[in-house]
PDB file of N, CA and C in Angstrom:
ATOM      1  N   MET A   1       0.821  -1.161   0.000  1.00  0.00           N
ATOM      2  CA  MET A   1       0.000   0.000   0.000  1.00  0.00           C
ATOM      3  C   MET A   1       0.879   1.244   0.000  1.00  0.00           C
ATOM      4  N   ALA A   2       1.969   1.196   0.729  1.00  0.00           N
ATOM      5  CA  ALA A   2       2.860   2.350   0.759  1.00  0.00           C
ATOM      6  C   ALA A   2       3.345   2.695  -0.646  1.00  0.00           C
ATOM      7  N   GLU A   3       3.699   1.689  -1.398  1.00  0.00           N
ATOM      8  CA  GLU A   3       4.168   1.941  -2.760  1.00  0.00           C
ATOM      9  C   GLU A   3       3.031   2.458  -3.637  1.00  0.00           C
ATOM     10  N   ARG A   4       1.890   1.824  -3.540  1.00  0.00           N
ATOM     11  CA  ARG A   4       0.742   2.223  -4.377  1.00  0.00           C
ATOM     12  C   ARG A   4       0.320   3.653  -4.069  1.00  0.00           C
ATOM     13  N   TRP A   5       0.301   3.999  -2.790  1.00  0.00           N
ATOM     14  CA  TRP A   5      -0.151   5.332  -2.382  1.00  0.00           C
ATOM     15  C   TRP A   5       0.973   6.363  -2.375  1.00  0.00           C
ATOM     16  N   GLN A   6       2.209   5.905  -2.574  1.00  0.00           N
ATOM     17  CA  GLN A   6       3.380   6.793  -2.557  1.00  0.00           C
ATOM     18  C   GLN A   6       3.510   7.536  -1.225  1.00  0.00           C
ATOM     19  N   VAL A   7       3.418   6.753  -0.147  1.00  0.00           N
ATOM     20  CA  VAL A   7       3.565   7.291   1.208  1.00  0.00           C
ATOM     21  C   VAL A   7       4.514   6.385   1.987  1.00  0.00           C
ATOM     22  N   SER A   8       4.861   6.802   3.191  1.00  0.00           N
ATOM     23  CA  SER A   8       5.717   5.973   4.043  1.00  0.00           C
ATOM     24  C   SER A   8       4.948   4.732   4.508  1.00  0.00           C
ATOM     25  N   VAL A   9       5.699   3.752   4.949  1.00  0.00           N
ATOM     26  CA  VAL A   9       5.084   2.537   5.489  1.00  0.00           C
ATOM     27  C   VAL A   9       4.236   2.889   6.708  1.00  0.00           C
ATOM     28  N   ASP A  10       4.729   3.808   7.537  1.00  0.00           N
ATOM     29  CA  ASP A  10       3.965   4.224   8.720  1.00  0.00           C
ATOM     30  C   ASP A  10       2.632   4.854   8.334  1.00  0.00           C
ATOM     31  N   GLU A  11       2.636   5.682   7.301  1.00  0.00           N
ATOM     32  CA  GLU A  11       1.398   6.327   6.846  1.00  0.00           C
ATOM     33  C   GLU A  11       0.430   5.291   6.281  1.00  0.00           C
ATOM     34  N   ALA A  12       0.945   4.365   5.498  1.00  0.00           N
ATOM     35  CA  ALA A  12       0.079   3.317   4.936  1.00  0.00           C
ATOM     36  C   ALA A  12      -0.537   2.482   6.053  1.00  0.00           C
ATOM     37  N   PHE A  13       0.266   2.135   7.041  1.00  0.00           N
ATOM     38  CA  PHE A  13      -0.240   1.367   8.180  1.00  0.00           C
ATOM     39  C   PHE A  13      -1.325   2.146   8.913  1.00  0.00           C
ATOM     40  N   ALA A  14      -1.094   3.434   9.125  1.00  0.00           N
ATOM     41  CA  ALA A  14      -2.082   4.272   9.812  1.00  0.00           C
ATOM     42  C   ALA A  14      -3.386   4.326   9.030  1.00  0.00           C
ATOM     43  N   ARG A  15      -3.306   4.402   7.711  1.00  0.00           N
ATOM     44  CA  ARG A  15      -4.515   4.438   6.883  1.00  0.00           C
ATOM     45  C   ARG A  15      -5.282   3.122   6.986  1.00  0.00           C
ATOM     46  N   LEU A  16      -4.549   2.022   6.909  1.00  0.00           N
ATOM     47  CA  LEU A  16      -5.202   0.716   7.013  1.00  0.00           C
ATOM     48  C   LEU A  16      -5.835   0.533   8.396  1.00  0.00           C
ATOM     49  N   ARG A  17      -5.099   0.895   9.418  1.00  0.00           N
ATOM     50  CA  ARG A  17      -5.624   0.795  10.782  1.00  0.00           C
ATOM     51  C   ARG A  17      -6.833   1.699  10.957  1.00  0.00           C
ATOM     52  N   GLY A  18      -6.765   2.904  10.384  1.00  0.00           N
ATOM     53  CA  GLY A  18      -7.877   3.839  10.476  1.00  0.00           C
ATOM     54  C   GLY A  18      -9.125   3.330   9.769  1.00  0.00           C
ATOM     55  N   HIS A  19      -8.943   2.500   8.769  1.00  0.00           N
ATOM     56  CA  HIS A  19     -10.084   1.894   8.078  1.00  0.00           C
ATOM     57  C   HIS A  19     -10.610   0.702   8.878  1.00  0.00           C
ATOM     58  N   ALA A  20      -9.707  -0.082   9.435  1.00  0.00           N
ATOM     59  CA  ALA A  20     -10.091  -1.320  10.124  1.00  0.00           C
ATOM     60  C   ALA A  20     -10.781  -1.078  11.458  1.00  0.00           C
ATOM     61  N   ARG A  21     -10.274  -0.174  12.255  1.00  0.00           N
ATOM     62  CA  ARG A  21     -10.780   0.008  13.618  1.00  0.00           C
ATOM     63  C   ARG A  21     -12.268   0.319  13.704  1.00  0.00           C
ATOM     64  N   PRO A  22     -12.764   1.344  13.014  1.00  0.00           N
ATOM     65  CA  PRO A  22     -14.189   1.648  13.169  1.00  0.00           C
ATOM     66  C   PRO A  22     -15.105   0.552  12.604  1.00  0.00           C
ATOM     67  N   ARG A  23     -14.540  -0.321  11.798  1.00  0.00           N
ATOM     68  CA  ARG A  23     -15.320  -1.408  11.201  1.00  0.00           C
ATOM     69  C   ARG A  23     -15.120  -2.719  11.945  1.00  0.00           C
ATOM     70  N   GLN A  24     -14.336  -2.647  13.032  1.00  0.00           N
ATOM     71  CA  GLN A  24     -14.017  -3.809  13.864  1.00  0.00           C
ATOM     72  C   GLN A  24     -13.446  -4.958  13.037  1.00  0.00           C
ATOM     73  N   LEU A  25     -12.523  -4.606  12.133  1.00  0.00           N
ATOM     74  CA  LEU A  25     -11.828  -5.596  11.312  1.00  0.00           C
ATOM     75  C   LEU A  25     -10.408  -5.772  11.841  1.00  0.00           C
ATOM     76  N   ARG A  26      -9.941  -6.998  11.839  1.00  0.00           N
ATOM     77  CA  ARG A  26      -8.535  -7.227  12.143  1.00  0.00           C
ATOM     78  C   ARG A  26      -7.728  -6.808  10.922  1.00  0.00           C
ATOM     79  N   LEU A  27      -6.539  -6.274  11.157  1.00  0.00           N
ATOM     80  CA  LEU A  27      -5.706  -5.830  10.041  1.00  0.00           C
ATOM     81  C   LEU A  27      -5.388  -6.967   9.081  1.00  0.00           C
ATOM     82  N   THR A  28      -5.162  -8.153   9.600  1.00  0.00           N
ATOM     83  CA  THR A  28      -4.869  -9.282   8.718  1.00  0.00           C
ATOM     84  C   THR A  28      -6.070  -9.602   7.827  1.00  0.00           C
ATOM     85  N   ASP A  29      -7.262  -9.512   8.388  1.00  0.00           N
ATOM     86  CA  ASP A  29      -8.466  -9.757   7.586  1.00  0.00           C
ATOM     87  C   ASP A  29      -8.647  -8.680   6.524  1.00  0.00           C
ATOM     88  N   LEU A  30      -8.403  -7.433   6.897  1.00  0.00           N
ATOM     89  CA  LEU A  30      -8.496  -6.337   5.936  1.00  0.00           C
ATOM     90  C   LEU A  30      -7.492  -6.544   4.807  1.00  0.00           C
ATOM     91  N   ALA A  31      -6.269  -6.896   5.158  1.00  0.00           N
ATOM     92  CA  ALA A  31      -5.228  -7.116   4.144  1.00  0.00           C
ATOM     93  C   ALA A  31      -5.635  -8.231   3.183  1.00  0.00           C
ATOM     94  N   ARG A  32      -6.152  -9.309   3.722  1.00  0.00           N
ATOM     95  CA  ARG A  32      -6.595 -10.415   2.861  1.00  0.00           C
ATOM     96  C   ARG A  32      -7.697  -9.965   1.910  1.00  0.00           C
ATOM     97  N   ARG A  33      -8.618  -9.171   2.415  1.00  0.00           N
ATOM     98  CA  ARG A  33      -9.732  -8.713   1.584  1.00  0.00           C
ATOM     99  C   ARG A  33      -9.262  -7.744   0.499  1.00  0.00           C
ATOM    100  N   VAL A  34      -8.273  -6.915   0.821  1.00  0.00           N
ATOM    101  CA  VAL A  34      -7.709  -6.010  -0.190  1.00  0.00           C
ATOM    102  C   VAL A  34      -7.018  -6.828  -1.275  1.00  0.00           C
ATOM    103  N   ILE A  35      -6.214  -7.801  -0.867  1.00  0.00           N
ATOM    104  CA  ILE A  35      -5.497  -8.640  -1.828  1.00  0.00           C
ATOM    105  C   ILE A  35      -6.475  -9.414  -2.710  1.00  0.00           C
ATOM    106  N   ALA A  36      -7.552  -9.904  -2.104  1.00  0.00           N
ATOM    107  CA  ALA A  36      -8.549 -10.676  -2.860  1.00  0.00           C
ATOM    108  C   ALA A  36      -9.397  -9.796  -3.771  1.00  0.00           C
ATOM    109  N   GLY A  37      -9.318  -8.477  -3.573  1.00  0.00           N
ATOM    110  CA  GLY A  37     -10.101  -7.560  -4.392  1.00  0.00           C
ATOM    111  C   GLY A  37     -11.490  -7.298  -3.850  1.00  0.00           C
ATOM    112  N   ASP A  38     -11.770  -7.778  -2.623  1.00  0.00           N
ATOM    113  CA  ASP A  38     -13.075  -7.558  -2.003  1.00  0.00           C
ATOM    114  C   ASP A  38     -13.240  -6.132  -1.498  1.00  0.00           C
ATOM    115  N   ILE A  39     -12.121  -5.491  -1.194  1.00  0.00           N
ATOM    116  CA  ILE A  39     -12.124  -4.104  -0.723  1.00  0.00           C
ATOM    117  C   ILE A  39     -11.196  -3.309  -1.625  1.00  0.00           C
ATOM    118  N   ASP A  40     -11.661  -2.171  -2.077  1.00  0.00           N
ATOM    119  CA  ASP A  40     -10.885  -1.301  -2.951  1.00  0.00           C
ATOM    120  C   ASP A  40      -9.882  -0.498  -2.125  1.00  0.00           C
ATOM    121  N   ALA A  41      -8.604  -0.710  -2.373  1.00  0.00           N
ATOM    122  CA  ALA A  41      -7.557  -0.013  -1.621  1.00  0.00           C
ATOM    123  C   ALA A  41      -7.650   1.497  -1.796  1.00  0.00           C
ATOM    124  N   GLU A  42      -8.067   1.940  -2.970  1.00  0.00           N
ATOM    125  CA  GLU A  42      -8.192   3.384  -3.198  1.00  0.00           C
ATOM    126  C   GLU A  42      -9.328   3.963  -2.352  1.00  0.00           C
ATOM    127  N   ALA A  43     -10.356   3.176  -2.118  1.00  0.00           N
ATOM    128  CA  ALA A  43     -11.448   3.633  -1.253  1.00  0.00           C
ATOM    129  C   ALA A  43     -10.953   3.811   0.174  1.00  0.00           C
ATOM    130  N   ILE A  44     -10.048   2.947   0.607  1.00  0.00           N
ATOM    131  CA  ILE A  44      -9.468   3.095   1.944  1.00  0.00           C
ATOM    132  C   ILE A  44      -8.724   4.422   2.016  1.00  0.00           C
ATOM    133  N   TRP A  45      -7.935   4.716   0.993  1.00  0.00           N
ATOM    134  CA  TRP A  45      -7.186   5.975   0.970  1.00  0.00           C
ATOM    135  C   TRP A  45      -8.130   7.167   1.028  1.00  0.00           C
ATOM    136  N   ARG A  46      -9.147   7.154   0.190  1.00  0.00           N
ATOM    137  CA  ARG A  46     -10.087   8.282   0.153  1.00  0.00           C
ATOM    138  C   ARG A  46     -10.859   8.426   1.456  1.00  0.00           C
ATOM    139  N   ASN A  47     -11.255   7.325   2.046  1.00  0.00           N
ATOM    140  CA  ASN A  47     -12.075   7.372   3.256  1.00  0.00           C
ATOM    141  C   ASN A  47     -11.298   7.796   4.487  1.00  0.00           C
ATOM    142  N   THR A  48      -9.985   7.593   4.519  1.00  0.00           N
ATOM    143  CA  THR A  48      -9.208   7.975   5.694  1.00  0.00           C
ATOM    144  C   THR A  48      -8.442   9.268   5.473  1.00  0.00           C
ATOM    145  N   GLU A  49      -8.449   9.760   4.256  1.00  0.00           N
ATOM    146  CA  GLU A  49      -7.665  10.941   3.892  1.00  0.00           C
ATOM    147  C   GLU A  49      -8.063  12.178   4.701  1.00  0.00           C
ATOM    148  N   THR A  50      -9.341  12.351   4.971  1.00  0.00           N
ATOM    149  CA  THR A  50      -9.775  13.538   5.681  1.00  0.00           C
ATOM    150  C   THR A  50     -10.350  13.218   7.049  1.00  0.00           C
ATOM    151  N   ASP A  51     -10.227  11.977   7.494  1.00  0.00           N
ATOM    152  CA  ASP A  51     -10.750  11.560   8.789  1.00  0.00           C
ATOM    153  C   ASP A  51      -9.693  11.761   9.853  1.00  0.00           C
ATOM    154  N   PRO A  52      -9.812  12.783  10.709  1.00  0.00           N
ATOM    155  CA  PRO A  52      -8.769  13.044  11.718  1.00  0.00           C
ATOM    156  C   PRO A  52      -8.627  11.914  12.713  1.00  0.00           C
ATOM    157  N   ALA A  53      -9.658  11.101  12.898  1.00  0.00           N
ATOM    158  CA  ALA A  53      -9.568   9.986  13.836  1.00  0.00           C
ATOM    159  C   ALA A  53      -8.625   8.910  13.349  1.00  0.00           C
ATOM    160  N   SER A  54      -8.328   8.906  12.075  1.00  0.00           N
ATOM    161  CA  SER A  54      -7.460   7.854  11.519  1.00  0.00           C
ATOM    162  C   SER A  54      -5.985   8.193  11.633  1.00  0.00           C
ATOM    163  N   HIS A  55      -5.638   9.376  12.103  1.00  0.00           N
ATOM    164  CA  HIS A  55      -4.220   9.776  12.163  1.00  0.00           C
ATOM    165  C   HIS A  55      -3.704   9.782  13.577  1.00  0.00           C
TER     166      HIS A  55
END
């Protein structure tokens, strides 16, 4: 995700965590769903981009 989003690994992790927490998803489950194509990684970026709770 860091490479795709052109951000640091820490920032990518924060975005993923910010998406997972309010949805009560484990990070490993979220990662699997992104890899499988069940969740759009770009949607994660857009949804956490302006959410101050995710930072």
